[in-house]
Amino acid sequence: MKTSATISEIIHKRREDLQREMGEIPLNKLLDRLESNENIHRSTNSGIKNKSFKESINQEEDVAVICEFKPASPSKGHISDSKLEDAIEIFNKTGASAVSILTEERYFNGSLKNVEEARNITDLPILRKDFILNEYQIYQAKLAGASAVLLMNDIYPDIKQGISVCNELDIGYIVECKNKEDLKNSLEYGAEVVGINNRNFLNFTIDLKTTEKLAGYVPPEVVLVSESGVKNSADAKKLAGYGVDAILVGTAIMGVKNKTDMYRSADNIIKSVKGSRIDRK
């Protein structure tokens, strides 16, 4: 696992890793596997349809909480040795609305296999969080059992096309925006779920007011997720007051010393935003 890298270095290495992945399993083979998997799913489907990612994080009264399994990050380095199954158990018990799984290996110590394992132990929707550079990774996510992917402006080359691929695959998404222009373009492309990242990728600093400044540009019918920077329930309440529909929380839950503290942190944050959803004007 590597740390202390710039965003350009991270993307460069992620592109290298993606090329390796695409060489090991070419797109046509990946699509064959996906089609075979879909056929098996259709033949064994009981007819019970779980909530979609968007439905799960779009609640009438509560601000939804997406809990993230986050072993490491470029800004923090090592965060947690917690096992995936322990984290998922806590997310389930404390009432998380969805789970985010980091799959980038070099800087976040993530793995796509964690999505597959999580799918076997939770019915919560699962977001594949990674630097998605190519539609190949959306197909990967679908095959692994993810319910949604993160599409980042300036990282994914064609947001409109990415949304279209997600719609075709019946997989959800968060379109991440960093400014008004990103939001304007994403909404014109038909984005139904957008995210505002409070982290500045140039220096990795956090400012929750980024969400406050941009939330008013998101129409009420579009689901708004605030990402990064929640340290405690006070931060969660602050973001709820800005009119978000959901928050994504990783380090505040994962970066504690034991399972009991993880449970307490998740429980406090999730309880703090129950009944706190407000309408954006």
C-alpha atoms as a PDB file:
ATOM      1  CA  MET A   1       0.000   0.000   0.000  1.00  0.00           C
ATOM      2  CA  LYS A   2       1.312   3.448  -0.948  1.00  0.00           C
ATOM      3  CA  THR A   3       0.549   6.824   0.634  1.00  0.00           C
ATOM      4  CA  SER A   4       1.510  10.501   0.253  1.00  0.00           C
ATOM      5  CA  ALA A   5       0.773  10.657  -3.463  1.00  0.00           C
ATOM      6  CA  THR A   6      -0.747  13.424  -5.542  1.00  0.00           C
ATOM      7  CA  ILE A   7      -4.067  12.852  -7.262  1.00  0.00           C
ATOM      8  CA  SER A   8      -2.315  12.761 -10.648  1.00  0.00           C
ATOM      9  CA  GLU A   9       0.026  10.021  -9.406  1.00  0.00           C
ATOM     10  CA  ILE A  10      -2.911   8.042  -8.029  1.00  0.00           C
ATOM     11  CA  ILE A  11      -4.807   8.267 -11.324  1.00  0.00           C
ATOM     12  CA  HIS A  12      -1.688   7.340 -13.310  1.00  0.00           C
ATOM     13  CA  LYS A  13      -1.166   4.196 -11.242  1.00  0.00           C
ATOM     14  CA  ARG A  14      -4.873   3.365 -11.343  1.00  0.00           C
ATOM     15  CA  ARG A  15      -4.766   3.577 -15.141  1.00  0.00           C
ATOM     16  CA  GLU A  16      -1.801   1.205 -15.182  1.00  0.00           C
ATOM     17  CA  ASP A  17      -3.630  -1.264 -12.954  1.00  0.00           C
ATOM     18  CA  LEU A  18      -6.749  -1.047 -15.099  1.00  0.00           C
ATOM     19  CA  GLN A  19      -4.748  -1.851 -18.235  1.00  0.00           C
ATOM     20  CA  ARG A  20      -3.393  -4.916 -16.464  1.00  0.00           C
ATOM     21  CA  GLU A  21      -6.890  -5.983 -15.412  1.00  0.00           C
ATOM     22  CA  MET A  22      -8.225  -5.546 -18.939  1.00  0.00           C
ATOM     23  CA  GLY A  23      -5.321  -7.614 -20.272  1.00  0.00           C
ATOM     24  CA  GLU A  24      -6.010 -10.441 -17.837  1.00  0.00           C
ATOM     25  CA  ILE A  25      -9.746 -10.510 -18.568  1.00  0.00           C
ATOM     26  CA  PRO A  26     -10.573  -8.869 -21.923  1.00  0.00           C
ATOM     27  CA  LEU A  27     -13.849  -6.987 -22.246  1.00  0.00           C
ATOM     28  CA  ASN A  28     -15.529  -9.707 -24.334  1.00  0.00           C
ATOM     29  CA  LYS A  29     -14.810 -12.325 -21.660  1.00  0.00           C
ATOM     30  CA  LEU A  30     -16.018  -9.992 -18.923  1.00  0.00           C
ATOM     31  CA  LEU A  31     -19.278  -9.423 -20.818  1.00  0.00           C
ATOM     32  CA  ASP A  32     -19.690 -13.185 -21.332  1.00  0.00           C
ATOM     33  CA  ARG A  33     -19.314 -13.719 -17.594  1.00  0.00           C
ATOM     34  CA  LEU A  34     -21.781 -10.948 -16.890  1.00  0.00           C
ATOM     35  CA  GLU A  35     -24.354 -12.415 -19.271  1.00  0.00           C
ATOM     36  CA  SER A  36     -23.920 -15.871 -17.764  1.00  0.00           C
ATOM     37  CA  ASN A  37     -24.279 -14.420 -14.271  1.00  0.00           C
ATOM     38  CA  GLU A  38     -27.443 -12.550 -15.276  1.00  0.00           C
ATOM     39  CA  ASN A  39     -28.954 -15.735 -16.713  1.00  0.00           C
ATOM     40  CA  ILE A  40     -28.276 -17.589 -13.462  1.00  0.00           C
ATOM     41  CA  HIS A  41     -29.763 -14.717 -11.465  1.00  0.00           C
ATOM     42  CA  ARG A  42     -32.913 -14.688 -13.599  1.00  0.00           C
ATOM     43  CA  SER A  43     -33.391 -18.449 -13.249  1.00  0.00           C
ATOM     44  CA  THR A  44     -33.042 -18.353  -9.442  1.00  0.00           C
ATOM     45  CA  ASN A  45     -34.792 -15.058  -8.706  1.00  0.00           C
ATOM     46  CA  SER A  46     -37.531 -15.487  -6.116  1.00  0.00           C
ATOM     47  CA  GLY A  47     -39.390 -12.460  -7.395  1.00  0.00           C
ATOM     48  CA  ILE A  48     -38.477 -10.350  -4.356  1.00  0.00           C
ATOM     49  CA  LYS A  49     -36.812  -7.122  -5.459  1.00  0.00           C
ATOM     50  CA  ASN A  50     -34.519  -5.356  -3.021  1.00  0.00           C
ATOM     51  CA  LYS A  51     -34.436  -1.586  -2.861  1.00  0.00           C
ATOM     52  CA  SER A  52     -32.173   0.104  -5.366  1.00  0.00           C
ATOM     53  CA  PHE A  53     -29.235   2.206  -4.225  1.00  0.00           C
ATOM     54  CA  LYS A  54     -31.121   5.413  -5.014  1.00  0.00           C
ATOM     55  CA  GLU A  55     -34.250   4.259  -3.182  1.00  0.00           C
ATOM     56  CA  SER A  56     -32.257   3.267  -0.113  1.00  0.00           C
ATOM     57  CA  ILE A  57     -30.547   6.638   0.278  1.00  0.00           C
ATOM     58  CA  ASN A  58     -33.632   8.704  -0.554  1.00  0.00           C
ATOM     59  CA  GLN A  59     -35.761   8.613   2.596  1.00  0.00           C
ATOM     60  CA  GLU A  60     -38.751  10.698   3.613  1.00  0.00           C
ATOM     61  CA  GLU A  61     -37.615  11.905   7.035  1.00  0.00           C
ATOM     62  CA  ASP A  62     -34.088  10.655   7.711  1.00  0.00           C
ATOM     63  CA  VAL A  63     -30.801  11.718   6.201  1.00  0.00           C
ATOM     64  CA  ALA A  64     -29.426   8.407   4.988  1.00  0.00           C
ATOM     65  CA  VAL A  65     -25.943   7.265   6.002  1.00  0.00           C
ATOM     66  CA  ILE A  66     -23.698   5.325   3.635  1.00  0.00           C
ATOM     67  CA  CYS A  67     -21.101   3.572   5.783  1.00  0.00           C
ATOM     68  CA  GLU A  68     -17.759   2.944   4.126  1.00  0.00           C
ATOM     69  CA  PHE A  69     -15.328   0.079   4.549  1.00  0.00           C
ATOM     70  CA  LYS A  70     -12.078   2.032   4.352  1.00  0.00           C
ATOM     71  CA  PRO A  71      -8.824   0.307   5.377  1.00  0.00           C
ATOM     72  CA  ALA A  72      -6.524   3.148   4.239  1.00  0.00           C
ATOM     73  CA  SER A  73      -6.297   6.401   2.284  1.00  0.00           C
ATOM     74  CA  PRO A  74      -3.583   8.560   0.680  1.00  0.00           C
ATOM     75  CA  SER A  75      -4.145  11.351   3.206  1.00  0.00           C
ATOM     76  CA  LYS A  76      -4.402   9.203   6.360  1.00  0.00           C
ATOM     77  CA  GLY A  77      -2.295   6.199   5.446  1.00  0.00           C
ATOM     78  CA  HIS A  78      -3.298   3.098   7.395  1.00  0.00           C
ATOM     79  CA  ILE A  79      -6.751   3.512   8.961  1.00  0.00           C
ATOM     80  CA  SER A  80      -7.994   0.127  10.112  1.00  0.00           C
ATOM     81  CA  ASP A  81      -7.229  -3.585  10.387  1.00  0.00           C
ATOM     82  CA  SER A  82     -10.900  -4.354  10.930  1.00  0.00           C
ATOM     83  CA  LYS A  83     -12.263  -7.340   9.073  1.00  0.00           C
ATOM     84  CA  LEU A  84     -14.836  -6.772   6.371  1.00  0.00           C
ATOM     85  CA  GLU A  85     -17.363  -9.061   8.047  1.00  0.00           C
ATOM     86  CA  ASP A  86     -17.072  -7.176  11.349  1.00  0.00           C
ATOM     87  CA  ALA A  87     -17.592  -3.816   9.644  1.00  0.00           C
ATOM     88  CA  ILE A  88     -20.583  -5.090   7.648  1.00  0.00           C
ATOM     89  CA  GLU A  89     -22.117  -6.530  10.825  1.00  0.00           C
ATOM     90  CA  ILE A  90     -21.852  -3.105  12.460  1.00  0.00           C
ATOM     91  CA  PHE A  91     -23.276  -1.333   9.406  1.00  0.00           C
ATOM     92  CA  ASN A  92     -26.229  -3.724   9.385  1.00  0.00           C
ATOM     93  CA  LYS A  93     -26.943  -3.453  13.106  1.00  0.00           C
ATOM     94  CA  THR A  94     -26.687   0.325  13.351  1.00  0.00           C
ATOM     95  CA  GLY A  95     -29.084   0.986  10.482  1.00  0.00           C
ATOM     96  CA  ALA A  96     -26.861   2.088   7.619  1.00  0.00           C
ATOM     97  CA  SER A  97     -28.794   2.780   4.419  1.00  0.00           C
ATOM     98  CA  ALA A  98     -26.037   1.499   2.123  1.00  0.00           C
ATOM     99  CA  VAL A  99     -22.440   0.329   2.165  1.00  0.00           C
ATOM    100  CA  SER A 100     -19.481   1.823   0.299  1.00  0.00           C
ATOM    101  CA  ILE A 101     -16.575  -0.477  -0.521  1.00  0.00           C
ATOM    102  CA  LEU A 102     -13.263   0.991  -1.671  1.00  0.00           C
ATOM    103  CA  THR A 103     -11.723  -1.166  -4.390  1.00  0.00           C
ATOM    104  CA  GLU A 104      -8.536   0.756  -5.293  1.00  0.00           C
ATOM    105  CA  GLU A 105      -5.620  -1.383  -4.134  1.00  0.00           C
ATOM    106  CA  ARG A 106      -2.452   0.722  -4.021  1.00  0.00           C
ATOM    107  CA  TYR A 107      -3.533   3.695  -1.902  1.00  0.00           C
ATOM    108  CA  PHE A 108      -6.737   2.542  -0.203  1.00  0.00           C
ATOM    109  CA  ASN A 109      -5.839  -1.105   0.398  1.00  0.00           C
ATOM    110  CA  GLY A 110      -9.125  -2.022  -1.270  1.00  0.00           C
ATOM    111  CA  SER A 111     -10.230  -4.909  -3.439  1.00  0.00           C
ATOM    112  CA  LEU A 112     -13.055  -5.785  -5.777  1.00  0.00           C
ATOM    113  CA  LYS A 113     -13.219  -9.098  -3.924  1.00  0.00           C
ATOM    114  CA  ASN A 114     -14.463  -7.164  -0.896  1.00  0.00           C
ATOM    115  CA  VAL A 115     -17.551  -6.227  -2.923  1.00  0.00           C
ATOM    116  CA  GLU A 116     -18.162  -9.892  -3.718  1.00  0.00           C
ATOM    117  CA  GLU A 117     -17.730 -10.876  -0.071  1.00  0.00           C
ATOM    118  CA  ALA A 118     -19.926  -8.042   1.172  1.00  0.00           C
ATOM    119  CA  ARG A 119     -22.659  -9.052  -1.265  1.00  0.00           C
ATOM    120  CA  ASN A 120     -22.783 -12.450   0.439  1.00  0.00           C
ATOM    121  CA  ILE A 121     -23.260 -11.033   3.942  1.00  0.00           C
ATOM    122  CA  THR A 122     -25.550  -8.018   3.529  1.00  0.00           C
ATOM    123  CA  ASP A 123     -28.726  -7.088   1.689  1.00  0.00           C
ATOM    124  CA  LEU A 124     -27.792  -3.413   1.835  1.00  0.00           C
ATOM    125  CA  PRO A 125     -26.984  -1.774  -1.512  1.00  0.00           C
ATOM    126  CA  ILE A 126     -23.238  -1.667  -2.167  1.00  0.00           C
ATOM    127  CA  LEU A 127     -21.418   1.232  -3.794  1.00  0.00           C
ATOM    128  CA  ARG A 128     -18.171   0.411  -5.577  1.00  0.00           C
ATOM    129  CA  LYS A 129     -15.980   3.390  -4.738  1.00  0.00           C
ATOM    130  CA  ASP A 130     -12.937   3.707  -6.954  1.00  0.00           C
ATOM    131  CA  PHE A 131     -11.420   5.905  -9.614  1.00  0.00           C
ATOM    132  CA  ILE A 132     -13.677   4.737 -12.443  1.00  0.00           C
ATOM    133  CA  LEU A 133     -11.867   5.527 -15.686  1.00  0.00           C
ATOM    134  CA  ASN A 134     -13.596   3.229 -18.147  1.00  0.00           C
ATOM    135  CA  GLU A 135     -16.940   1.508 -18.592  1.00  0.00           C
ATOM    136  CA  TYR A 136     -15.049  -1.769 -18.092  1.00  0.00           C
ATOM    137  CA  GLN A 137     -15.009  -0.982 -14.360  1.00  0.00           C
ATOM    138  CA  ILE A 138     -18.783  -0.521 -14.337  1.00  0.00           C
ATOM    139  CA  TYR A 139     -19.167  -3.999 -15.829  1.00  0.00           C
ATOM    140  CA  GLN A 140     -16.711  -5.295 -13.217  1.00  0.00           C
ATOM    141  CA  ALA A 141     -18.801  -3.723 -10.475  1.00  0.00           C
ATOM    142  CA  LYS A 142     -22.007  -5.246 -11.777  1.00  0.00           C
ATOM    143  CA  LEU A 143     -20.421  -8.701 -12.011  1.00  0.00           C
ATOM    144  CA  ALA A 144     -19.038  -8.427  -8.470  1.00  0.00           C
ATOM    145  CA  GLY A 145     -22.507  -7.638  -7.107  1.00  0.00           C
ATOM    146  CA  ALA A 146     -22.253  -3.892  -6.602  1.00  0.00           C
ATOM    147  CA  SER A 147     -25.474  -1.891  -6.620  1.00  0.00           C
ATOM    148  CA  ALA A 148     -23.844   1.386  -7.691  1.00  0.00           C
ATOM    149  CA  VAL A 149     -20.587   3.019  -8.778  1.00  0.00           C
ATOM    150  CA  LEU A 150     -18.956   6.402  -8.242  1.00  0.00           C
ATOM    151  CA  LEU A 151     -18.544   8.473 -11.414  1.00  0.00           C
ATOM    152  CA  MET A 152     -16.251  11.427 -10.789  1.00  0.00           C
ATOM    153  CA  ASN A 153     -16.207  14.519 -12.948  1.00  0.00           C
ATOM    154  CA  ASP A 154     -12.713  15.046 -14.438  1.00  0.00           C
ATOM    155  CA  ILE A 155     -11.933  11.360 -13.762  1.00  0.00           C
ATOM    156  CA  TYR A 156     -14.549   9.494 -15.774  1.00  0.00           C
ATOM    157  CA  PRO A 157     -14.090  10.746 -19.350  1.00  0.00           C
ATOM    158  CA  ASP A 158     -17.761  11.019 -20.368  1.00  0.00           C
ATOM    159  CA  ILE A 159     -20.302  11.386 -17.566  1.00  0.00           C
ATOM    160  CA  LYS A 160     -23.262  11.259 -19.951  1.00  0.00           C
ATOM    161  CA  GLN A 161     -22.048   7.963 -21.393  1.00  0.00           C
ATOM    162  CA  GLY A 162     -21.309   6.627 -17.907  1.00  0.00           C
ATOM    163  CA  ILE A 163     -24.849   7.348 -16.747  1.00  0.00           C
ATOM    164  CA  SER A 164     -26.156   5.630 -19.881  1.00  0.00           C
ATOM    165  CA  VAL A 165     -24.077   2.504 -19.209  1.00  0.00           C
ATOM    166  CA  CYS A 166     -25.329   2.399 -15.618  1.00  0.00           C
ATOM    167  CA  ASN A 167     -28.933   2.712 -16.769  1.00  0.00           C
ATOM    168  CA  GLU A 168     -28.473  -0.081 -19.297  1.00  0.00           C
ATOM    169  CA  LEU A 169     -26.973  -2.353 -16.626  1.00  0.00           C
ATOM    170  CA  ASP A 170     -29.589  -1.368 -14.026  1.00  0.00           C
ATOM    171  CA  ILE A 171     -26.838  -0.302 -11.639  1.00  0.00           C
ATOM    172  CA  GLY A 172     -26.974   2.905  -9.629  1.00  0.00           C
ATOM    173  CA  TYR A 173     -24.418   5.690  -9.416  1.00  0.00           C
ATOM    174  CA  ILE A 174     -23.266   8.817  -7.658  1.00  0.00           C
ATOM    175  CA  VAL A 175     -22.004  11.502 -10.021  1.00  0.00           C
ATOM    176  CA  GLU A 176     -19.410  13.373  -7.993  1.00  0.00           C
ATOM    177  CA  CYS A 177     -19.156  17.128  -8.545  1.00  0.00           C
ATOM    178  CA  LYS A 178     -16.679  19.679  -7.220  1.00  0.00           C
ATOM    179  CA  ASN A 179     -18.210  22.951  -8.470  1.00  0.00           C
ATOM    180  CA  LYS A 180     -21.267  24.578 -10.058  1.00  0.00           C
ATOM    181  CA  GLU A 181     -20.126  23.734 -13.573  1.00  0.00           C
ATOM    182  CA  ASP A 182     -19.844  20.036 -12.736  1.00  0.00           C
ATOM    183  CA  LEU A 183     -23.319  20.124 -11.226  1.00  0.00           C
ATOM    184  CA  LYS A 184     -24.814  21.981 -14.190  1.00  0.00           C
ATOM    185  CA  ASN A 185     -23.354  19.556 -16.721  1.00  0.00           C
ATOM    186  CA  SER A 186     -24.224  16.460 -14.696  1.00  0.00           C
ATOM    187  CA  LEU A 187     -27.823  17.563 -14.248  1.00  0.00           C
ATOM    188  CA  GLU A 188     -28.094  18.284 -17.980  1.00  0.00           C
ATOM    189  CA  TYR A 189     -26.884  14.731 -18.592  1.00  0.00           C
ATOM    190  CA  GLY A 190     -29.760  13.436 -16.472  1.00  0.00           C
ATOM    191  CA  ALA A 191     -27.938  12.599 -13.241  1.00  0.00           C
ATOM    192  CA  GLU A 192     -30.458  11.538 -10.585  1.00  0.00           C
ATOM    193  CA  VAL A 193     -27.925  11.116  -7.765  1.00  0.00           C
ATOM    194  CA  VAL A 194     -25.076  13.593  -7.312  1.00  0.00           C
ATOM    195  CA  GLY A 195     -22.327  13.812  -4.733  1.00  0.00           C
ATOM    196  CA  ILE A 196     -20.373  16.754  -3.396  1.00  0.00           C
ATOM    197  CA  ASN A 197     -16.940  15.839  -2.076  1.00  0.00           C
ATOM    198  CA  ASN A 198     -15.782  18.073   0.763  1.00  0.00           C
ATOM    199  CA  ARG A 199     -12.175  17.024   0.168  1.00  0.00           C
ATOM    200  CA  ASN A 200      -9.904  19.162  -1.984  1.00  0.00           C
ATOM    201  CA  PHE A 201      -7.945  16.723  -4.138  1.00  0.00           C
ATOM    202  CA  LEU A 202      -5.075  19.158  -4.630  1.00  0.00           C
ATOM    203  CA  ASN A 203      -4.075  19.160  -0.962  1.00  0.00           C
ATOM    204  CA  PHE A 204      -6.555  16.665   0.589  1.00  0.00           C
ATOM    205  CA  THR A 205      -7.922  19.269   3.019  1.00  0.00           C
ATOM    206  CA  ILE A 206     -11.559  19.103   4.154  1.00  0.00           C
ATOM    207  CA  ASP A 207     -14.174  21.848   4.168  1.00  0.00           C
ATOM    208  CA  LEU A 208     -17.798  20.924   4.932  1.00  0.00           C
ATOM    209  CA  LYS A 209     -18.862  24.320   3.638  1.00  0.00           C
ATOM    210  CA  THR A 210     -18.230  22.986   0.126  1.00  0.00           C
ATOM    211  CA  THR A 211     -21.527  21.149   0.497  1.00  0.00           C
ATOM    212  CA  GLU A 212     -23.212  24.240   1.935  1.00  0.00           C
ATOM    213  CA  LYS A 213     -22.091  26.356  -1.030  1.00  0.00           C
ATOM    214  CA  LEU A 214     -23.256  23.906  -3.694  1.00  0.00           C
ATOM    215  CA  ALA A 215     -26.342  22.244  -2.198  1.00  0.00           C
ATOM    216  CA  GLY A 216     -28.665  25.015  -3.356  1.00  0.00           C
ATOM    217  CA  TYR A 217     -27.838  24.263  -6.988  1.00  0.00           C
ATOM    218  CA  VAL A 218     -29.181  20.704  -6.702  1.00  0.00           C
ATOM    219  CA  PRO A 219     -32.933  20.426  -7.497  1.00  0.00           C
ATOM    220  CA  PRO A 220     -35.046  18.773  -4.792  1.00  0.00           C
ATOM    221  CA  GLU A 221     -35.926  15.833  -7.052  1.00  0.00           C
ATOM    222  CA  VAL A 222     -32.225  14.931  -7.386  1.00  0.00           C
ATOM    223  CA  VAL A 223     -30.676  12.927  -4.535  1.00  0.00           C
ATOM    224  CA  LEU A 224     -27.743  14.783  -2.955  1.00  0.00           C
ATOM    225  CA  VAL A 225     -24.943  12.942  -1.154  1.00  0.00           C
ATOM    226  CA  SER A 226     -22.262  14.739   0.849  1.00  0.00           C
ATOM    227  CA  GLU A 227     -18.939  12.886   0.850  1.00  0.00           C
ATOM    228  CA  SER A 228     -15.894  13.101   3.124  1.00  0.00           C
ATOM    229  CA  GLY A 229     -15.110  14.990   6.299  1.00  0.00           C
ATOM    230  CA  VAL A 230     -17.673  13.744   8.823  1.00  0.00           C
ATOM    231  CA  LYS A 231     -15.758  13.260  12.063  1.00  0.00           C
ATOM    232  CA  ASN A 232     -18.697  12.937  14.446  1.00  0.00           C
ATOM    233  CA  SER A 233     -22.445  13.410  14.903  1.00  0.00           C
ATOM    234  CA  ALA A 234     -22.043  17.199  15.064  1.00  0.00           C
ATOM    235  CA  ASP A 235     -20.619  17.200  11.530  1.00  0.00           C
ATOM    236  CA  ALA A 236     -23.411  14.913  10.368  1.00  0.00           C
ATOM    237  CA  LYS A 237     -26.039  17.270  11.790  1.00  0.00           C
ATOM    238  CA  LYS A 238     -24.326  20.233  10.152  1.00  0.00           C
ATOM    239  CA  LEU A 239     -24.511  18.588   6.729  1.00  0.00           C
ATOM    240  CA  ALA A 240     -28.139  17.630   7.332  1.00  0.00           C
ATOM    241  CA  GLY A 241     -28.826  21.312   7.921  1.00  0.00           C
ATOM    242  CA  TYR A 242     -27.426  22.090   4.484  1.00  0.00           C
ATOM    243  CA  GLY A 243     -30.199  20.024   2.910  1.00  0.00           C
ATOM    244  CA  VAL A 244     -28.401  16.833   1.924  1.00  0.00           C
ATOM    245  CA  ASP A 245     -30.309  13.597   1.464  1.00  0.00           C
ATOM    246  CA  ALA A 246     -27.427  11.324   2.441  1.00  0.00           C
ATOM    247  CA  ILE A 247     -23.907  11.425   3.844  1.00  0.00           C
ATOM    248  CA  LEU A 248     -21.022   9.050   3.221  1.00  0.00           C
ATOM    249  CA  VAL A 249     -18.918   8.262   6.294  1.00  0.00           C
ATOM    250  CA  GLY A 250     -15.698   6.254   6.378  1.00  0.00           C
ATOM    251  CA  THR A 251     -12.817   7.238   8.639  1.00  0.00           C
ATOM    252  CA  ALA A 252     -15.013   8.390  11.543  1.00  0.00           C
ATOM    253  CA  ILE A 253     -16.256   4.815  11.867  1.00  0.00           C
ATOM    254  CA  MET A 254     -13.272   2.813  10.649  1.00  0.00           C
ATOM    255  CA  GLY A 255     -10.540   4.890  12.288  1.00  0.00           C
ATOM    256  CA  VAL A 256     -11.226   3.870  15.886  1.00  0.00           C
ATOM    257  CA  LYS A 257      -9.423   1.298  17.992  1.00  0.00           C
ATOM    258  CA  ASN A 258     -11.883  -1.578  18.280  1.00  0.00           C
ATOM    259  CA  LYS A 259     -15.205  -3.071  17.199  1.00  0.00           C
ATOM    260  CA  THR A 260     -17.088  -1.620  20.168  1.00  0.00           C
ATOM    261  CA  ASP A 261     -15.961   1.909  19.304  1.00  0.00           C
ATOM    262  CA  MET A 262     -16.817   1.327  15.643  1.00  0.00           C
ATOM    263  CA  TYR A 263     -20.343   0.378  16.650  1.00  0.00           C
ATOM    264  CA  ARG A 264     -20.651   3.394  18.944  1.00  0.00           C
ATOM    265  CA  SER A 265     -19.413   5.802  16.275  1.00  0.00           C
ATOM    266  CA  ALA A 266     -21.702   4.443  13.547  1.00  0.00           C
ATOM    267  CA  ASP A 267     -24.675   4.330  15.901  1.00  0.00           C
ATOM    268  CA  ASN A 268     -24.168   7.905  17.107  1.00  0.00           C
ATOM    269  CA  ILE A 269     -23.829   9.315  13.595  1.00  0.00           C
ATOM    270  CA  ILE A 270     -26.807   7.421  12.168  1.00  0.00           C
ATOM    271  CA  LYS A 271     -29.056   8.298  15.133  1.00  0.00           C
ATOM    272  CA  SER A 272     -28.004  11.955  14.992  1.00  0.00           C
ATOM    273  CA  VAL A 273     -29.545  12.471  11.551  1.00  0.00           C
ATOM    274  CA  LYS A 274     -32.763  10.535  12.001  1.00  0.00           C
ATOM    275  CA  GLY A 275     -35.732  12.778  11.288  1.00  0.00           C
ATOM    276  CA  SER A 276     -33.406  15.576  10.170  1.00  0.00           C
ATOM    277  CA  ARG A 277     -33.984  15.656   6.418  1.00  0.00           C
ATOM    278  CA  ILE A 278     -35.096  19.064   5.187  1.00  0.00           C
ATOM    279  CA  ASP A 279     -36.293  20.189   1.787  1.00  0.00           C
ATOM    280  CA  ARG A 280     -33.867  22.079  -0.412  1.00  0.00           C
ATOM    281  CA  LYS A 281     -35.381  25.226  -1.867  1.00  0.00           C
END
